[in-house]
Amino acid sequence: MTKLAFLFPGQNSQYVGMGRDLCGKFATARQTFEEADEALGFSISKMCFEGPEDQLKLTEFQQPAICTVSVAVLRVLAERGITPALVAGHSLGEYAANVAAGSLAFADAVKTVRQRGRFMQEAVPPGQGAMAAVLGLSSEETARACDEAAAETQLIVSAANFNSPEQTVISGEAPAVERAAQLCKDRGAKRVVMLQVSAPFHCALMQPAQDRLAELLRAIDFATPRVPVVVNVDAVLVTDPDQLRDALIRQVTGAVRWVESVRLLIADQPACFVEVGPGKVLSGLMRQIDRSQACVNVEDSTSLDKTLAALS
């Protein structure tokens, strides 16, 4: 059996129509969407298939929508005997990774990420926080610029996502993010892009959301995973259920250490990486982290056929 590592995408991978093709062709996918609708008490499937886009962009809907599509794809792959030896997920994607590992029930995951989205949304009043993507500057330089901007403005700003050697996302209070962005440009960043986000994720401003989420997660049963999960916040392989829960709590304010997480997976020498869920964001980051790695994605029947052919 080919050794595979599954990667699960995070926020902003969503698009209207995601999952519809799979549901039309596979009963397993249809059942997954029905299970999500029932767990949530409203039709997340209708939102995934038909939009409207502005509603799908809202964090509290976007998170369960992406999670549902990812798990639907996961189950379709499993029916074809394609299963992972290792899993990781980018931020929100870590919930689907836990479902894949067998440590978290899907219904619990989808209900929790809906609340996670709501808590994150409510943690900071609109307009007070900001995020920016810094391109073409080392993560060390970017983190230094954040420290200087924080000291100068006496406000919160820090590196939030270490996405690739070429891309670090920063997060915090808007004036401090703008100052750090300017410092990054002064130090030779190719580009700094202010992101259209509903809240400043993965920074200290998310503490109220983390506290509320901790209560929810502590009430949920986590099982011993069948395969190791690489957790974002520490970039380590975890097989202990309590540590998996703790990592999901701490990642709300903690940075996403994606480069280290992917390199840890690469060290385990999987034959191929499979991005499971909507979009190709993680496949793009993989090319920036290590071009030599084989990485495919599955989000619909066309990409499924392509991946099955590549893996055979």
Protein backbone atom coordinates (compact mmCIF):
# COMPACT_ATOMS: atom_id res chain seq x y z
CA MET A 1 0.00 0.00 0.00
CA THR A 2 1.36 3.41 -0.98
CA LYS A 3 2.09 5.58 2.05
CA LEU A 4 -0.01 8.75 1.79
CA ALA A 5 -0.19 11.97 3.80
CA PHE A 6 -3.54 13.80 3.70
CA LEU A 7 -3.68 17.60 3.97
CA PHE A 8 -6.93 19.41 4.80
CA PRO A 9 -7.49 23.04 3.74
CA GLY A 10 -8.47 25.92 6.00
CA GLN A 11 -10.49 29.11 5.62
CA ASN A 12 -10.85 30.93 2.30
CA SER A 13 -10.74 27.70 0.25
CA GLN A 14 -14.53 27.85 -0.14
CA TYR A 15 -16.43 28.54 -3.38
CA VAL A 16 -20.09 28.31 -4.36
CA GLY A 17 -20.81 24.91 -5.90
CA MET A 18 -18.21 22.98 -3.86
CA GLY A 19 -19.28 19.41 -3.12
CA ARG A 20 -22.26 19.45 -5.51
CA ASP A 21 -20.65 17.24 -8.16
CA LEU A 22 -19.54 14.65 -5.56
CA CYS A 23 -23.03 14.55 -4.05
CA GLY A 24 -24.55 13.94 -7.46
CA LYS A 25 -22.28 10.95 -8.04
CA PHE A 26 -21.54 9.33 -4.67
CA ALA A 27 -24.02 8.23 -2.00
CA THR A 28 -21.27 8.53 0.66
CA ALA A 29 -20.83 12.22 -0.12
CA ARG A 30 -24.60 12.76 -0.05
CA GLN A 31 -24.85 11.06 3.34
CA THR A 32 -22.03 13.25 4.70
CA PHE A 33 -23.90 16.42 3.72
CA GLU A 34 -27.14 15.05 5.20
CA GLU A 35 -25.28 14.29 8.44
CA ALA A 36 -23.90 17.85 8.53
CA ASP A 37 -27.34 19.40 7.86
CA GLU A 38 -28.81 17.36 10.70
CA ALA A 39 -26.00 18.17 13.15
CA LEU A 40 -26.17 21.90 12.38
CA GLY A 41 -29.96 22.21 12.19
CA PHE A 42 -29.86 24.04 8.84
CA SER A 43 -28.85 23.22 5.27
CA ILE A 44 -25.11 23.74 4.94
CA SER A 45 -25.39 21.67 1.73
CA LYS A 46 -27.66 24.27 0.09
CA MET A 47 -25.16 26.98 1.08
CA CYS A 48 -22.21 25.00 -0.38
CA PHE A 49 -24.04 24.15 -3.61
CA GLU A 50 -25.95 27.39 -4.26
CA GLY A 51 -24.49 30.11 -2.04
CA PRO A 52 -25.07 33.02 -1.78
CA GLU A 53 -21.35 33.73 -1.78
CA ASP A 54 -21.49 36.54 0.79
CA GLN A 55 -23.12 34.15 3.27
CA LEU A 56 -20.60 31.37 2.53
CA LYS A 57 -17.80 33.88 3.29
CA LEU A 58 -19.07 34.44 6.84
CA THR A 59 -16.74 32.62 9.21
CA GLU A 60 -19.49 30.79 11.12
CA PHE A 61 -20.79 29.22 7.87
CA GLN A 62 -17.49 29.00 5.99
CA GLN A 63 -15.88 26.80 8.65
CA PRO A 64 -18.54 24.03 8.76
CA ALA A 65 -18.93 24.23 4.96
CA ILE A 66 -15.24 23.56 4.27
CA CYS A 67 -15.13 20.88 6.96
CA THR A 68 -18.15 19.10 5.42
CA VAL A 69 -16.73 19.10 1.87
CA SER A 70 -13.37 17.82 3.15
CA VAL A 71 -14.98 14.93 5.07
CA ALA A 72 -17.22 14.07 2.10
CA VAL A 73 -14.09 13.79 -0.10
CA LEU A 74 -12.29 11.82 2.63
CA ARG A 75 -15.12 9.25 2.75
CA VAL A 76 -15.32 8.90 -1.03
CA LEU A 77 -11.56 8.21 -1.08
CA ALA A 78 -11.89 5.68 1.78
CA GLU A 79 -14.48 3.73 -0.22
CA ARG A 80 -11.87 3.39 -2.93
CA GLY A 81 -9.28 2.12 -0.46
CA ILE A 82 -7.35 5.41 -0.39
CA THR A 83 -6.54 6.15 3.25
CA PRO A 84 -3.80 8.19 4.96
CA ALA A 85 -0.82 7.06 7.02
CA LEU A 86 -0.44 10.63 8.37
CA VAL A 87 -2.69 13.70 8.45
CA ALA A 88 -2.46 17.45 8.94
CA GLY A 89 -4.86 20.34 8.44
CA HIS A 90 -4.29 24.07 8.03
CA SER A 91 -5.93 25.78 11.03
CA LEU A 92 -9.64 24.90 10.56
CA GLY A 93 -8.44 21.89 8.50
CA GLU A 94 -7.08 20.29 11.66
CA TYR A 95 -10.68 19.37 12.59
CA ALA A 96 -11.13 17.38 9.36
CA ALA A 97 -7.67 15.87 9.98
CA ASN A 98 -8.90 14.63 13.37
CA VAL A 99 -12.01 13.16 11.73
CA ALA A 100 -9.72 11.40 9.22
CA ALA A 101 -7.57 10.04 12.06
CA GLY A 102 -10.64 8.76 13.91
CA SER A 103 -10.01 10.94 16.96
CA LEU A 104 -13.08 13.17 16.49
CA ALA A 105 -16.63 12.32 15.37
CA PHE A 106 -17.72 14.24 12.26
CA ALA A 107 -20.94 15.57 13.86
CA ASP A 108 -18.90 16.94 16.80
CA ALA A 109 -16.37 18.50 14.42
CA VAL A 110 -18.92 20.28 12.24
CA LYS A 111 -20.91 21.63 15.21
CA THR A 112 -17.74 22.80 16.95
CA VAL A 113 -16.29 24.64 13.94
CA ARG A 114 -19.56 26.51 13.45
CA GLN A 115 -19.25 27.81 17.04
CA ARG A 116 -15.51 28.36 16.55
CA GLY A 117 -16.33 30.63 13.62
CA ARG A 118 -18.91 32.51 15.64
CA PHE A 119 -16.59 32.90 18.65
CA MET A 120 -13.75 34.20 16.45
CA GLN A 121 -16.12 36.64 14.78
CA GLU A 122 -17.35 37.98 18.12
CA ALA A 123 -13.91 38.20 19.81
CA VAL A 124 -12.95 41.51 18.15
CA PRO A 125 -15.32 44.32 17.04
CA PRO A 126 -15.40 44.82 13.23
CA GLY A 127 -12.66 47.11 11.92
CA GLN A 128 -10.40 46.84 14.96
CA GLY A 129 -8.33 43.90 13.72
CA ALA A 130 -6.50 43.20 10.47
CA MET A 131 -4.38 40.58 8.72
CA ALA A 132 -1.81 40.94 5.95
CA ALA A 133 0.15 38.49 3.81
CA VAL A 134 3.86 39.27 3.56
CA LEU A 135 5.43 37.86 0.39
CA GLY A 136 9.12 37.45 -0.41
CA LEU A 137 10.53 38.18 3.05
CA SER A 138 11.87 35.56 5.47
CA SER A 139 9.61 34.57 8.35
CA GLU A 140 12.32 35.68 10.81
CA GLU A 141 12.44 39.19 9.32
CA THR A 142 8.64 39.34 9.27
CA ALA A 143 8.39 38.27 12.92
CA ARG A 144 11.03 40.91 13.86
CA ALA A 145 9.02 43.60 12.05
CA CYS A 146 5.94 42.56 14.08
CA ASP A 147 7.87 42.79 17.36
CA GLU A 148 9.10 46.28 16.46
CA ALA A 149 5.66 47.47 15.36
CA ALA A 150 4.13 46.11 18.58
CA ALA A 151 6.74 47.91 20.71
CA GLU A 152 6.32 51.14 18.74
CA THR A 153 2.49 51.22 18.73
CA GLN A 154 1.95 49.45 22.08
CA LEU A 155 -0.62 47.33 20.23
CA ILE A 156 -0.88 43.64 19.32
CA VAL A 157 0.61 42.29 16.09
CA SER A 158 2.35 38.97 15.46
CA ALA A 159 3.08 36.37 12.80
CA ALA A 160 -0.06 34.23 12.48
CA ASN A 161 0.57 31.78 9.62
CA PHE A 162 3.98 30.52 8.55
CA ASN A 163 2.57 29.31 5.22
CA SER A 164 5.73 28.87 3.13
CA PRO A 165 9.31 30.17 3.08
CA GLU A 166 7.98 32.96 0.84
CA GLN A 167 4.73 33.75 2.63
CA THR A 168 3.98 34.73 6.22
CA VAL A 169 0.63 36.13 7.34
CA ILE A 170 0.57 38.68 10.18
CA SER A 171 -2.39 39.46 12.44
CA GLY A 172 -3.40 41.92 15.15
CA GLU A 173 -4.81 45.38 15.80
CA ALA A 174 -5.21 47.31 12.54
CA PRO A 175 -2.74 50.20 13.18
CA ALA A 176 -0.05 47.76 14.39
CA VAL A 177 -0.58 45.47 11.37
CA GLU A 178 -0.28 48.48 9.04
CA ARG A 179 2.94 49.59 10.76
CA ALA A 180 4.41 46.07 10.60
CA ALA A 181 3.41 45.86 6.93
CA GLN A 182 5.33 49.08 6.23
CA LEU A 183 8.40 47.79 8.09
CA CYS A 184 8.27 44.57 6.03
CA LYS A 185 8.16 46.62 2.81
CA ASP A 186 11.10 48.72 4.02
CA ARG A 187 13.04 45.48 4.59
CA GLY A 188 12.54 44.23 1.07
CA ALA A 189 9.25 42.29 1.07
CA LYS A 190 8.20 41.82 -2.56
CA ARG A 191 4.60 42.53 -1.67
CA VAL A 192 2.36 43.01 1.35
CA VAL A 193 -1.34 42.34 0.79
CA MET A 194 -3.99 43.38 3.31
CA LEU A 195 -6.41 40.44 3.59
CA GLN A 196 -10.19 40.63 3.47
CA VAL A 197 -10.92 38.80 6.72
CA SER A 198 -13.71 39.06 9.25
CA ALA A 199 -11.37 38.91 12.26
CA PRO A 200 -7.63 38.89 13.15
CA PHE A 201 -7.09 35.12 13.51
CA HIS A 202 -4.24 33.34 15.32
CA CYS A 203 -3.13 36.18 17.57
CA ALA A 204 -3.60 37.20 21.21
CA LEU A 205 -6.79 39.14 20.34
CA MET A 206 -8.50 35.75 19.88
CA GLN A 207 -8.16 34.87 23.59
CA PRO A 208 -11.93 35.36 24.30
CA ALA A 209 -12.73 32.96 21.43
CA GLN A 210 -10.16 30.46 22.69
CA ASP A 211 -11.66 30.50 26.20
CA ARG A 212 -15.18 29.89 24.89
CA LEU A 213 -14.02 27.15 22.50
CA ALA A 214 -12.06 25.43 25.29
CA GLU A 215 -15.32 24.85 27.20
CA LEU A 216 -16.93 23.22 24.16
CA LEU A 217 -13.96 21.03 23.30
CA ARG A 218 -13.52 19.81 26.87
CA ALA A 219 -17.07 18.45 26.77
CA ILE A 220 -16.33 16.37 23.64
CA ASP A 221 -14.91 12.85 23.60
CA PHE A 222 -11.66 12.45 21.69
CA ALA A 223 -10.53 8.92 20.79
CA THR A 224 -7.02 7.56 20.23
CA PRO A 225 -6.29 8.31 16.55
CA ARG A 226 -5.65 5.48 14.09
CA VAL A 227 -2.87 7.54 12.48
CA PRO A 228 -0.72 10.39 13.83
CA VAL A 229 -1.94 13.99 13.44
CA VAL A 230 0.56 16.81 12.91
CA VAL A 231 -0.78 19.71 14.99
CA ASN A 232 -0.33 23.30 13.73
CA VAL A 233 0.48 24.99 16.98
CA ASP A 234 3.52 22.82 17.86
CA ALA A 235 4.34 21.19 14.49
CA VAL A 236 4.68 17.78 16.15
CA LEU A 237 3.11 14.36 15.53
CA VAL A 238 0.44 13.62 18.13
CA THR A 239 -1.34 10.36 18.98
CA ASP A 240 -2.72 11.26 22.42
CA PRO A 241 -6.42 12.27 22.44
CA ASP A 242 -6.02 14.87 25.22
CA GLN A 243 -3.08 16.48 23.42
CA LEU A 244 -5.11 16.64 20.19
CA ARG A 245 -7.91 18.47 22.01
CA ASP A 246 -5.43 20.80 23.71
CA ALA A 247 -3.79 21.63 20.35
CA LEU A 248 -7.17 22.61 18.86
CA ILE A 249 -7.76 24.94 21.82
CA ARG A 250 -4.31 26.58 21.68
CA GLN A 251 -4.31 27.05 17.90
CA VAL A 252 -6.97 29.81 18.17
CA THR A 253 -4.40 32.30 19.50
CA GLY A 254 -1.31 30.35 18.36
CA ALA A 255 0.43 30.64 15.00
CA VAL A 256 -0.09 28.08 12.23
CA ARG A 257 3.37 26.52 11.83
CA TRP A 258 2.60 25.10 8.40
CA VAL A 259 6.12 25.02 6.95
CA GLU A 260 7.44 23.02 9.92
CA SER A 261 4.36 20.77 9.89
CA VAL A 262 4.82 19.92 6.20
CA ARG A 263 8.56 19.34 6.64
CA LEU A 264 7.80 16.97 9.50
CA LEU A 265 5.48 15.00 7.19
CA ILE A 266 8.11 15.00 4.41
CA ALA A 267 10.64 13.52 6.87
CA ASP A 268 8.28 10.52 7.20
CA GLN A 269 8.68 9.98 3.44
CA PRO A 270 5.12 9.56 2.17
CA ALA A 271 4.97 8.55 -1.50
CA CYS A 272 2.42 11.29 -2.17
CA PHE A 273 0.51 14.13 -0.50
CA VAL A 274 -3.24 14.41 -1.12
CA GLU A 275 -5.03 17.72 -0.52
CA VAL A 276 -8.52 16.61 0.56
CA GLY A 277 -11.23 19.27 0.20
CA PRO A 278 -12.04 22.44 -1.73
CA GLY A 279 -9.38 24.35 -3.68
CA LYS A 280 -5.65 23.88 -4.20
CA VAL A 281 -4.19 26.33 -1.69
CA LEU A 282 -2.12 23.69 0.14
CA SER A 283 -0.86 22.16 -3.13
CA GLY A 284 0.39 25.66 -4.06
CA LEU A 285 2.12 26.06 -0.69
CA MET A 286 3.70 22.61 -1.10
CA ARG A 287 5.37 23.79 -4.33
CA GLN A 288 6.87 26.71 -2.37
CA ILE A 289 7.99 24.48 0.53
CA ASP A 290 9.41 21.56 -1.47
CA ARG A 291 8.89 21.30 -5.22
CA SER A 292 10.16 17.71 -5.32
CA GLN A 293 7.14 16.34 -3.42
CA ALA A 294 4.29 14.67 -5.31
CA CYS A 295 1.06 16.43 -4.33
CA VAL A 296 -2.42 15.90 -5.80
CA ASN A 297 -5.82 17.26 -4.81
CA VAL A 298 -9.36 15.86 -4.67
CA GLU A 299 -12.41 18.11 -4.55
CA ASP A 300 -14.75 16.71 -7.27
CA SER A 301 -15.13 13.66 -9.53
CA THR A 302 -12.67 15.00 -12.15
CA SER A 303 -9.85 15.52 -9.63
CA LEU A 304 -10.79 12.19 -8.00
CA ASP A 305 -10.31 10.30 -11.30
CA LYS A 306 -7.02 12.12 -11.90
CA THR A 307 -5.75 11.29 -8.41
CA LEU A 308 -6.83 7.62 -8.60
CA ALA A 309 -4.94 7.34 -11.90
CA ALA A 310 -1.85 9.03 -10.42
CA LEU A 311 -1.88 6.77 -7.33
CA SER A 312 -2.32 3.56 -9.30
